[in-house]
Amino acid sequence: MTGTKHGSASHLPPLATIGARYTALVIDVVVFYFGMILVTAILYLMGLDVYEGLALPGDDETIRGENVLGLLMLVAAAVLYFAWLPARFYGQTPGKRLNGIRIITVDGEVPTFSRLVLRNTIGYILSYWLFYMGFALALRDEQKRTLHDNIARTRVVIADRKDKP
């Protein structure tokens, strides 16, 4: 899967629209959170309350040792969903697949797992942290690339049917 190229830069697939990217993100966030709710509910029914006592910002309570499991579970699930899935399935999460778009490198290759971890952790954090300006970059960028795309040297394009798993 890695190393799959589209040829020269002039033969890269057409860029995805900002609307398709946004819709894919909304779908992915909904799917991810419903999945986390389901897993948490199953674990709770099994007697494991992974979020018991987890402090929210402004709470006087601190995170206790047993709450680390819930936090680690959330981080691991996010890495699996937003980095491993697109690395394994040609740059697509379920939301991107439903919208017919995918992530590729600027060279037209399927991004590696480590590149997607960089893009979807540090890149997304910075895009959000800068008052969503990292996302707004796509409005003015000729390649419609966001801050996290620039950090990881990726772009989001319309998926070619032959590239789908």
Protein backbone atom coordinates (compact mmCIF):
# COMPACT_ATOMS: atom_id res chain seq x y z
CA MET A 1 0.00 0.00 0.00
CA THR A 2 2.74 2.45 0.75
CA GLY A 3 4.63 3.41 -2.31
CA THR A 4 1.54 3.40 -4.55
CA LYS A 5 2.11 6.32 -6.91
CA HIS A 6 -0.01 8.25 -9.33
CA GLY A 7 2.85 9.19 -11.60
CA SER A 8 4.32 12.63 -12.00
CA ALA A 9 3.07 15.66 -10.09
CA SER A 10 1.18 16.81 -13.17
CA HIS A 11 -0.82 13.56 -13.13
CA LEU A 12 -1.98 13.75 -9.52
CA PRO A 13 -5.71 13.21 -8.92
CA PRO A 14 -7.95 16.29 -8.67
CA LEU A 15 -8.11 18.02 -5.31
CA ALA A 16 -11.01 17.28 -2.97
CA THR A 17 -13.38 20.15 -2.25
CA ILE A 18 -13.34 21.78 1.16
CA GLY A 19 -16.97 20.73 1.56
CA ALA A 20 -16.11 17.07 0.95
CA ARG A 21 -13.24 17.29 3.44
CA TYR A 22 -15.44 18.90 6.09
CA THR A 23 -18.25 16.38 5.58
CA ALA A 24 -15.75 13.51 5.85
CA LEU A 25 -14.38 14.96 9.10
CA VAL A 26 -17.87 15.29 10.60
CA ILE A 27 -18.71 11.70 9.63
CA ASP A 28 -15.42 10.45 11.08
CA VAL A 29 -15.88 12.32 14.36
CA VAL A 30 -19.44 10.97 14.74
CA VAL A 31 -18.37 7.39 13.92
CA PHE A 32 -15.35 7.65 16.24
CA TYR A 33 -17.32 9.00 19.21
CA PHE A 34 -20.20 6.56 18.79
CA GLY A 35 -17.62 3.77 18.67
CA MET A 36 -15.98 5.08 21.85
CA ILE A 37 -19.38 5.32 23.58
CA LEU A 38 -20.17 1.74 22.58
CA VAL A 39 -16.82 0.40 23.80
CA THR A 40 -17.07 2.37 27.04
CA ALA A 41 -20.61 1.08 27.63
CA ILE A 42 -19.52 -2.53 27.04
CA LEU A 43 -16.57 -2.12 29.41
CA TYR A 44 -18.86 -0.51 32.00
CA LEU A 45 -21.30 -3.44 31.77
CA MET A 46 -18.31 -5.71 32.36
CA GLY A 47 -17.57 -3.80 35.57
CA LEU A 48 -14.79 -1.53 34.32
CA ASP A 49 -15.58 2.18 34.59
CA VAL A 50 -12.64 3.57 32.63
CA TYR A 51 -13.67 7.20 33.12
CA GLU A 52 -14.68 7.15 36.78
CA GLY A 53 -13.44 10.30 38.44
CA LEU A 54 -11.78 11.65 35.30
CA ALA A 55 -11.32 15.36 35.97
CA LEU A 56 -12.70 17.93 33.58
CA PRO A 57 -11.08 21.36 33.19
CA GLY A 58 -12.01 23.44 36.20
CA ASP A 59 -12.77 20.45 38.42
CA ASP A 60 -11.05 20.20 41.79
CA GLU A 61 -10.63 16.48 41.25
CA THR A 62 -7.42 15.15 39.77
CA ILE A 63 -6.89 12.21 37.43
CA ARG A 64 -6.35 9.07 39.49
CA GLY A 65 -4.37 6.04 38.42
CA GLU A 66 -7.36 4.02 37.24
CA ASN A 67 -8.38 6.86 34.92
CA VAL A 68 -5.19 6.56 32.93
CA LEU A 69 -6.74 3.49 31.28
CA GLY A 70 -9.59 5.58 29.88
CA LEU A 71 -7.24 8.24 28.60
CA LEU A 72 -4.90 5.67 27.03
CA MET A 73 -7.88 3.91 25.47
CA LEU A 74 -9.06 7.17 23.90
CA VAL A 75 -5.62 8.04 22.52
CA ALA A 76 -5.04 4.52 21.18
CA ALA A 77 -8.47 4.46 19.52
CA ALA A 78 -7.85 7.87 17.92
CA VAL A 79 -4.47 6.78 16.55
CA LEU A 80 -5.98 3.56 15.19
CA TYR A 81 -8.94 5.33 13.58
CA PHE A 82 -7.26 8.45 12.21
CA ALA A 83 -3.79 7.06 11.35
CA TRP A 84 -3.81 3.26 11.03
CA LEU A 85 -7.06 3.05 9.02
CA PRO A 86 -5.96 5.52 6.33
CA ALA A 87 -2.46 4.01 6.24
CA ARG A 88 -3.99 0.57 5.73
CA PHE A 89 -6.86 1.56 3.41
CA TYR A 90 -5.22 3.78 0.79
CA GLY A 91 -5.52 7.07 2.65
CA GLN A 92 -9.17 6.69 3.59
CA THR A 93 -11.14 6.72 6.81
CA PRO A 94 -14.81 5.70 6.63
CA GLY A 95 -15.81 9.37 6.25
CA LYS A 96 -13.34 9.94 3.43
CA ARG A 97 -14.42 6.74 1.69
CA LEU A 98 -18.11 7.74 1.86
CA ASN A 99 -17.16 11.11 0.32
CA GLY A 100 -14.92 9.61 -2.36
CA ILE A 101 -11.75 11.34 -1.17
CA ARG A 102 -8.40 10.19 0.18
CA ILE A 103 -5.13 11.43 1.63
CA ILE A 104 -1.95 11.16 -0.43
CA THR A 105 1.54 12.56 -0.05
CA VAL A 106 2.52 15.56 -2.14
CA ASP A 107 4.31 13.03 -4.35
CA GLY A 108 1.13 11.01 -4.91
CA GLU A 109 1.93 8.10 -2.61
CA VAL A 110 -0.20 6.52 0.10
CA PRO A 111 1.00 8.13 3.34
CA THR A 112 2.81 5.98 5.88
CA PHE A 113 1.43 5.34 9.35
CA SER A 114 4.05 7.63 10.92
CA ARG A 115 3.23 10.45 8.49
CA LEU A 116 -0.46 10.11 9.32
CA VAL A 117 0.25 10.11 13.06
CA LEU A 118 2.17 13.37 12.57
CA ARG A 119 -0.61 14.82 10.40
CA ASN A 120 -3.48 13.81 12.65
CA THR A 121 -1.93 14.48 16.06
CA ILE A 122 0.52 17.36 16.08
CA GLY A 123 -0.88 18.79 12.85
CA TYR A 124 -4.50 18.70 13.99
CA ILE A 125 -3.64 20.02 17.45
CA LEU A 126 -1.89 23.02 15.90
CA SER A 127 -4.72 23.55 13.41
CA TYR A 128 -7.25 23.65 16.27
CA TRP A 129 -4.99 25.46 18.70
CA LEU A 130 -4.52 28.36 16.34
CA PHE A 131 -8.24 29.15 16.53
CA TYR A 132 -8.98 26.88 13.56
CA MET A 133 -6.72 29.01 11.36
CA GLY A 134 -4.87 25.84 10.38
CA PHE A 135 -8.06 24.69 8.64
CA ALA A 136 -8.74 28.12 7.18
CA LEU A 137 -5.45 27.93 5.28
CA ALA A 138 -7.22 25.62 2.81
CA LEU A 139 -9.47 28.51 1.78
CA ARG A 140 -6.51 30.50 0.46
CA ASP A 141 -4.10 27.77 -0.55
CA GLU A 142 -3.99 26.87 -4.24
CA GLN A 143 -3.63 23.17 -3.30
CA LYS A 144 -6.39 23.47 -0.63
CA ARG A 145 -3.88 22.26 1.95
CA THR A 146 -4.41 22.87 5.65
CA LEU A 147 -1.71 23.38 8.27
CA HIS A 148 -1.73 19.66 9.11
CA ASP A 149 -1.39 18.83 5.40
CA ASN A 150 1.61 21.16 5.15
CA ILE A 151 3.24 19.70 8.27
CA ALA A 152 2.92 16.12 6.98
CA ARG A 153 3.38 17.00 3.28
CA THR A 154 0.01 15.53 2.32
CA ARG A 155 -2.95 16.59 0.23
CA VAL A 156 -6.54 15.38 0.01
CA VAL A 157 -7.74 14.34 -3.42
CA ILE A 158 -10.69 12.73 -5.14
CA ALA A 159 -10.26 8.97 -4.85
CA ASP A 160 -9.81 6.93 -7.98
CA ARG A 161 -12.06 3.86 -7.97
CA LYS A 162 -9.12 1.58 -8.77
CA ASP A 163 -7.37 2.75 -5.57
CA LYS A 164 -10.14 1.58 -3.26
CA PRO A 165 -9.59 -1.62 -1.32
